[in-house]
Amino acid sequence: MRDTVYFTLPSQHNTEEQNRNALYPRLTYTNTTNTYTGSDYWLFNGAYFRVKNITLGYSLPKTLMDKCFVKGLRLYATVNDLPAISHYPKGWDPEIGASSDFISTSFTFGVNVKF
């Protein structure tokens, strides 16, 4: 919205053109009409993409396992809660509210052996 009055600095020396092209909205006590005027300056795209869980695994061939007297061997790696790809400001997480805890990424590696 370019209808909102904007100021570069709260200065009486700005021209109307400077005020129209300023970067930040000005809040003021003297002219509260501008303070309560609708503005989309602080809005941003809230869409995000996050992978919650990835598991990759590999089972070794049975012919190789017969030589080791093992019925089966599987290697795996899991990643949980990867960081989100979003347009949120740096350091913000789209899934965290005011009373939520930080979402940490976890890595798990493992081996399943069948005898």
Protein backbone atom coordinates (compact mmCIF):
# COMPACT_ATOMS: atom_id res chain seq x y z
CA MET A 1 0.00 0.00 0.00
CA ARG A 2 1.50 3.31 -0.98
CA ASP A 3 -1.40 5.28 0.58
CA THR A 4 0.33 5.23 3.96
CA VAL A 5 2.40 8.28 4.89
CA TYR A 6 6.06 7.33 5.27
CA PHE A 7 9.00 9.31 6.61
CA THR A 8 12.74 8.74 6.40
CA LEU A 9 13.18 10.53 9.74
CA PRO A 10 10.75 12.48 11.88
CA SER A 11 11.82 15.77 10.33
CA GLN A 12 9.84 18.81 9.31
CA HIS A 13 12.42 19.45 6.59
CA ASN A 14 11.33 16.54 4.35
CA THR A 15 9.44 17.27 1.17
CA GLU A 16 6.20 15.45 0.33
CA GLU A 17 8.10 13.47 -2.34
CA GLN A 18 10.71 12.34 0.21
CA ASN A 19 7.96 11.27 2.59
CA ARG A 20 6.18 9.25 -0.14
CA ASN A 21 9.38 7.40 -1.09
CA ALA A 22 10.71 6.77 2.41
CA LEU A 23 11.52 3.21 3.52
CA TYR A 24 9.97 2.98 7.00
CA PRO A 25 6.54 3.97 8.28
CA ARG A 26 6.59 6.69 10.93
CA LEU A 27 4.59 6.40 14.13
CA THR A 28 3.81 9.71 15.78
CA TYR A 29 1.98 11.12 18.79
CA THR A 30 1.14 14.42 17.09
CA ASN A 31 -0.70 13.04 14.04
CA THR A 32 -2.32 9.78 15.12
CA THR A 33 -4.18 9.48 11.81
CA ASN A 34 -0.94 8.22 10.25
CA THR A 35 -0.19 5.95 13.19
CA TYR A 36 -3.39 3.94 12.69
CA THR A 37 -3.35 3.96 8.89
CA GLY A 38 -3.20 0.45 7.42
CA SER A 39 0.19 -0.61 6.11
CA ASP A 40 1.57 -3.81 4.64
CA TYR A 41 5.20 -2.82 5.30
CA TRP A 42 5.72 -5.36 8.10
CA LEU A 43 3.97 -8.23 6.28
CA PHE A 44 5.98 -10.94 4.55
CA ASN A 45 5.34 -14.19 2.71
CA GLY A 46 4.61 -16.80 5.40
CA ALA A 47 4.94 -19.86 3.16
CA TYR A 48 7.62 -22.36 4.14
CA PHE A 49 8.92 -25.83 3.31
CA ARG A 50 10.32 -28.22 5.90
CA VAL A 51 11.32 -31.88 5.73
CA LYS A 52 10.37 -33.47 9.04
CA ASN A 53 12.00 -36.88 8.61
CA ILE A 54 14.40 -38.58 6.17
CA THR A 55 15.64 -42.15 6.60
CA LEU A 56 18.15 -43.78 4.28
CA GLY A 57 19.16 -47.41 4.69
CA TYR A 58 21.14 -50.11 2.95
CA SER A 59 20.92 -53.84 3.53
CA LEU A 60 24.07 -55.76 2.65
CA PRO A 61 23.57 -58.64 0.19
CA LYS A 62 22.75 -62.04 1.71
CA THR A 63 25.62 -63.70 -0.19
CA LEU A 64 28.08 -61.44 1.62
CA MET A 65 26.42 -62.07 4.98
CA ASP A 66 26.53 -65.89 4.62
CA LYS A 67 30.33 -65.69 4.69
CA CYS A 68 30.22 -63.83 8.04
CA PHE A 69 27.64 -66.19 9.65
CA VAL A 70 25.15 -63.30 9.90
CA LYS A 71 21.58 -63.56 8.58
CA GLY A 72 21.31 -59.87 7.75
CA LEU A 73 22.99 -56.52 8.23
CA ARG A 74 21.38 -53.15 7.59
CA LEU A 75 23.02 -49.71 7.91
CA TYR A 76 20.80 -46.64 8.24
CA ALA A 77 20.84 -42.89 8.90
CA THR A 78 17.91 -40.70 9.95
CA VAL A 79 17.56 -36.91 10.07
CA ASN A 80 14.63 -35.27 11.89
CA ASP A 81 13.41 -31.64 11.74
CA LEU A 82 15.66 -30.10 9.13
CA PRO A 83 15.67 -26.28 9.06
CA ALA A 84 12.81 -24.70 7.13
CA ILE A 85 13.21 -22.97 3.79
CA SER A 86 11.18 -19.76 4.08
CA HIS A 87 11.00 -16.01 3.60
CA TYR A 88 10.91 -15.46 7.36
CA PRO A 89 13.48 -13.05 8.82
CA LYS A 90 16.83 -14.63 9.68
CA GLY A 91 16.64 -16.63 12.91
CA TRP A 92 12.85 -17.03 12.87
CA ASP A 93 11.20 -20.45 12.60
CA PRO A 94 7.67 -20.70 11.14
CA GLU A 95 6.65 -23.52 13.52
CA ILE A 96 7.63 -21.74 16.73
CA GLY A 97 5.05 -19.68 18.56
CA ALA A 98 5.47 -17.32 21.50
CA SER A 99 5.41 -20.16 24.04
CA SER A 100 7.09 -22.89 21.97
CA ASP A 101 10.53 -24.38 22.39
CA PHE A 102 13.28 -24.31 19.79
CA ILE A 103 13.06 -27.12 17.20
CA SER A 104 16.43 -28.86 17.02
CA THR A 105 17.67 -31.04 14.19
CA SER A 106 18.65 -34.58 15.20
CA PHE A 107 20.82 -37.12 13.40
CA THR A 108 20.67 -40.87 14.08
CA PHE A 109 22.97 -43.52 12.66
CA GLY A 110 22.54 -47.22 13.27
CA VAL A 111 23.20 -50.84 12.39
CA ASN A 112 20.69 -53.71 12.54
CA VAL A 113 22.29 -57.14 12.77
CA LYS A 114 20.37 -60.46 12.57
CA PHE A 115 22.13 -63.59 13.81
